[in-house]
N, C-alpha and C. Protein backbone atom coordinates (compact mmCIF):
# COMPACT_ATOMS: atom_id res chain seq x y z
N UNK A 1 17.26 69.22 95.50
CA UNK A 1 17.30 68.24 94.58
C UNK A 1 15.92 67.98 94.31
N UNK A 2 15.68 67.70 92.96
CA UNK A 2 14.29 67.54 92.41
C UNK A 2 13.95 65.93 92.37
N UNK A 3 12.80 65.85 92.29
CA UNK A 3 12.10 64.36 92.30
C UNK A 3 11.40 64.15 91.07
N UNK A 4 11.18 62.82 90.54
CA UNK A 4 10.29 62.38 89.67
C UNK A 4 9.45 61.37 90.41
N UNK A 5 8.06 61.43 90.47
CA UNK A 5 7.35 60.57 90.96
C UNK A 5 6.46 59.63 89.92
N UNK A 6 6.81 58.60 89.82
CA UNK A 6 6.06 57.71 88.73
C UNK A 6 4.59 57.25 89.13
N UNK A 7 3.96 56.86 88.15
CA UNK A 7 2.48 56.48 88.45
C UNK A 7 2.51 55.47 89.72
N UNK A 8 3.42 54.56 89.79
CA UNK A 8 3.42 53.49 90.79
C UNK A 8 3.68 54.12 92.11
N UNK A 9 3.96 55.45 92.22
CA UNK A 9 4.41 55.85 93.53
C UNK A 9 5.82 56.01 93.80
N UNK A 10 6.75 55.29 92.99
CA UNK A 10 8.14 55.39 93.04
C UNK A 10 8.80 56.77 92.95
N UNK A 11 9.63 57.14 93.66
CA UNK A 11 10.38 58.47 93.52
C UNK A 11 11.94 58.21 93.21
N UNK A 12 12.17 58.85 92.27
CA UNK A 12 13.60 59.05 91.88
C UNK A 12 14.18 60.30 92.02
N UNK A 13 15.32 60.33 92.65
CA UNK A 13 16.07 61.70 93.04
C UNK A 13 16.94 61.93 91.85
N UNK A 14 16.93 63.36 91.34
CA UNK A 14 17.47 63.95 90.08
C UNK A 14 18.67 64.48 90.72
N UNK A 15 19.88 64.78 89.87
CA UNK A 15 21.17 65.34 90.19
C UNK A 15 20.74 66.75 90.74
N UNK A 16 21.54 67.49 91.51
CA UNK A 16 21.45 68.73 91.86
C UNK A 16 21.27 69.60 90.73
N UNK A 17 20.70 70.70 90.80
CA UNK A 17 20.59 71.73 89.65
C UNK A 17 19.40 71.52 88.79
N UNK A 18 18.84 72.49 88.30
CA UNK A 18 17.60 72.42 87.55
C UNK A 18 17.72 71.66 86.23
N UNK A 19 16.69 71.03 85.92
CA UNK A 19 16.64 70.13 84.68
C UNK A 19 15.81 70.85 83.62
N UNK A 20 14.99 71.79 84.01
CA UNK A 20 14.13 72.60 83.06
C UNK A 20 14.95 73.93 82.97
N UNK A 21 14.87 74.60 81.96
CA UNK A 21 15.65 75.87 81.89
C UNK A 21 14.53 76.90 81.49
N UNK A 22 15.02 78.27 81.52
CA UNK A 22 14.14 79.30 81.09
C UNK A 22 13.57 79.23 79.62
N UNK A 23 14.23 78.40 78.91
CA UNK A 23 13.75 78.24 77.55
C UNK A 23 12.51 77.11 77.38
N UNK A 24 12.35 76.42 78.47
CA UNK A 24 11.11 75.57 78.52
C UNK A 24 10.01 76.43 78.96
N UNK A 25 8.84 76.38 78.06
CA UNK A 25 7.78 77.22 78.30
C UNK A 25 6.28 76.33 78.67
N UNK A 26 5.52 76.88 79.24
CA UNK A 26 4.45 76.33 79.72
C UNK A 26 3.47 76.20 78.46
N UNK A 27 3.02 74.91 78.26
CA UNK A 27 2.17 74.67 77.12
C UNK A 27 0.72 75.29 77.25
N UNK A 28 0.43 75.71 78.34
CA UNK A 28 -0.94 76.42 78.51
C UNK A 28 -0.83 77.83 78.38
N UNK A 29 0.36 78.64 78.91
CA UNK A 29 0.34 80.08 78.61
C UNK A 29 1.51 80.67 78.42
N UNK A 30 2.58 80.05 78.19
CA UNK A 30 3.93 80.37 77.86
C UNK A 30 4.88 80.90 78.71
N UNK A 31 4.38 80.80 79.93
CA UNK A 31 5.26 81.17 81.10
C UNK A 31 6.40 80.16 81.28
N UNK A 32 7.51 80.54 82.15
CA UNK A 32 8.40 79.49 82.26
C UNK A 32 7.90 78.28 82.90
N UNK A 33 8.30 77.26 82.47
CA UNK A 33 7.88 75.83 82.74
C UNK A 33 8.62 75.42 83.99
N UNK A 34 8.15 74.90 85.05
CA UNK A 34 8.63 74.45 86.25
C UNK A 34 8.42 72.89 86.45
N UNK A 35 7.29 72.50 85.77
CA UNK A 35 6.97 71.07 85.68
C UNK A 35 6.80 70.43 84.47
N UNK A 36 7.46 69.22 84.40
CA UNK A 36 7.40 68.31 83.22
C UNK A 36 6.57 67.07 83.52
N UNK A 37 5.45 66.89 82.67
CA UNK A 37 4.70 65.74 82.88
C UNK A 37 4.87 64.79 81.92
N UNK A 38 5.25 63.55 82.06
CA UNK A 38 5.31 62.50 80.91
C UNK A 38 4.12 61.79 80.86
N UNK A 39 3.56 61.72 79.76
CA UNK A 39 2.46 60.84 79.41
C UNK A 39 2.77 59.82 78.17
N UNK A 40 2.03 58.93 77.89
CA UNK A 40 2.17 57.92 76.85
C UNK A 40 2.66 58.52 75.46
N UNK A 41 2.15 59.64 75.10
CA UNK A 41 2.38 59.98 73.78
C UNK A 41 3.45 61.10 73.86
N UNK A 42 4.12 61.42 75.10
CA UNK A 42 4.98 62.46 74.75
C UNK A 42 5.23 63.29 76.24
N UNK A 43 5.37 64.60 76.41
CA UNK A 43 5.54 65.33 77.54
C UNK A 43 4.76 66.61 77.38
N UNK A 44 4.46 67.11 78.65
CA UNK A 44 3.80 68.38 78.84
C UNK A 44 4.38 69.15 79.70
N UNK A 45 4.69 70.42 79.38
CA UNK A 45 5.40 71.38 80.31
C UNK A 45 4.30 72.40 80.86
N UNK A 46 4.45 72.64 82.17
CA UNK A 46 3.49 73.82 82.85
C UNK A 46 4.20 74.62 83.64
N UNK A 47 3.88 75.75 83.87
CA UNK A 47 4.20 76.62 84.79
C UNK A 47 3.65 76.04 86.24
N UNK A 48 3.97 76.56 87.26
CA UNK A 48 3.59 75.98 88.59
C UNK A 48 1.92 76.19 88.77
N UNK A 49 1.39 77.29 88.39
CA UNK A 49 -0.09 77.46 88.35
C UNK A 49 -0.74 76.41 87.58
N UNK A 50 -0.45 76.24 86.33
CA UNK A 50 -1.20 75.41 85.41
C UNK A 50 -1.02 73.86 85.79
N UNK A 51 0.34 73.56 86.39
CA UNK A 51 0.63 72.12 86.80
C UNK A 51 -0.42 71.82 87.95
N UNK A 52 -0.53 72.73 88.93
CA UNK A 52 -1.35 72.56 90.19
C UNK A 52 -2.88 72.58 89.61
N UNK A 53 -3.17 73.39 88.69
CA UNK A 53 -4.63 73.27 88.03
C UNK A 53 -5.03 71.97 87.52
N UNK A 54 -4.15 71.36 86.80
CA UNK A 54 -4.35 70.15 85.95
C UNK A 54 -3.99 68.86 86.70
N UNK A 55 -3.21 68.94 87.77
CA UNK A 55 -2.60 67.78 88.57
C UNK A 55 -3.57 66.79 88.83
N UNK A 56 -4.67 66.98 89.14
CA UNK A 56 -5.80 65.93 89.55
C UNK A 56 -6.02 65.01 88.33
N UNK A 57 -6.39 65.82 87.26
CA UNK A 57 -6.61 65.02 85.96
C UNK A 57 -5.53 64.25 85.21
N UNK A 58 -4.31 65.04 85.31
CA UNK A 58 -3.25 64.45 84.65
C UNK A 58 -2.51 63.30 85.53
N UNK A 59 -2.77 63.14 86.69
CA UNK A 59 -2.08 62.17 87.54
C UNK A 59 -2.71 60.71 87.32
N UNK A 60 -3.75 60.61 86.82
CA UNK A 60 -4.38 59.32 86.23
C UNK A 60 -3.46 58.79 84.98
N UNK A 61 -3.03 59.67 84.16
CA UNK A 61 -2.40 59.21 82.93
C UNK A 61 -0.97 59.51 82.88
N UNK A 62 -0.37 60.21 83.96
CA UNK A 62 1.09 60.52 83.85
C UNK A 62 1.99 59.39 84.17
N UNK A 63 2.93 59.23 83.48
CA UNK A 63 4.12 58.15 83.79
C UNK A 63 5.05 58.67 84.64
N UNK A 64 5.24 60.14 84.66
CA UNK A 64 6.18 60.70 85.68
C UNK A 64 5.83 62.18 85.67
N UNK A 65 6.07 62.74 87.00
CA UNK A 65 5.87 63.98 87.22
C UNK A 65 7.08 64.67 87.80
N UNK A 66 7.68 65.49 87.12
CA UNK A 66 8.87 66.33 87.38
C UNK A 66 8.66 67.68 87.72
N UNK A 67 8.81 68.05 89.09
CA UNK A 67 8.30 69.15 89.72
C UNK A 67 9.59 70.06 90.24
N UNK A 68 9.69 71.18 89.57
CA UNK A 68 10.76 72.11 90.05
C UNK A 68 10.27 73.33 90.66
N UNK A 69 9.00 73.38 90.92
CA UNK A 69 8.27 74.59 91.32
C UNK A 69 8.86 75.21 92.62
N UNK A 70 9.75 74.41 93.44
CA UNK A 70 10.32 74.75 94.73
C UNK A 70 11.35 75.88 94.36
N UNK A 71 11.72 75.84 93.01
CA UNK A 71 12.91 76.90 92.60
C UNK A 71 12.34 78.21 92.79
N UNK A 72 11.01 78.28 92.56
CA UNK A 72 10.37 79.70 92.56
C UNK A 72 10.60 80.27 94.02
N UNK A 73 10.58 79.55 95.00
CA UNK A 73 10.76 80.06 96.31
C UNK A 73 12.29 80.24 96.69
N UNK A 74 13.00 79.44 96.18
CA UNK A 74 14.58 79.71 96.20
C UNK A 74 14.93 80.81 95.48
N UNK A 75 14.36 81.32 94.31
CA UNK A 75 14.65 82.43 93.46
C UNK A 75 14.29 83.60 94.15
N UNK A 76 13.15 83.62 94.87
CA UNK A 76 12.69 84.54 95.51
C UNK A 76 13.47 85.07 96.83
N UNK A 77 14.08 84.05 97.52
CA UNK A 77 14.80 84.40 98.66
C UNK A 77 16.17 84.77 98.35
N UNK A 78 16.59 84.59 96.98
CA UNK A 78 18.05 85.08 96.62
C UNK A 78 18.11 86.64 96.37
């Protein structure tokens, strides 16, 4: 199950199953997106690498952080 963590630290559980699809692409490099960051002006999509790279800066302006990067490990085990 994925989670969304709001700026205030609240965590909402999402229904089972991926919310991001293979059609969702990283805004930085075009790889498959596993993280959706909502900000005041819209949303940003990132691969796991770029989400981690920009997390510190984005955490101060993000209204939510939806991270499905754990799917990478689940997919590797399958």
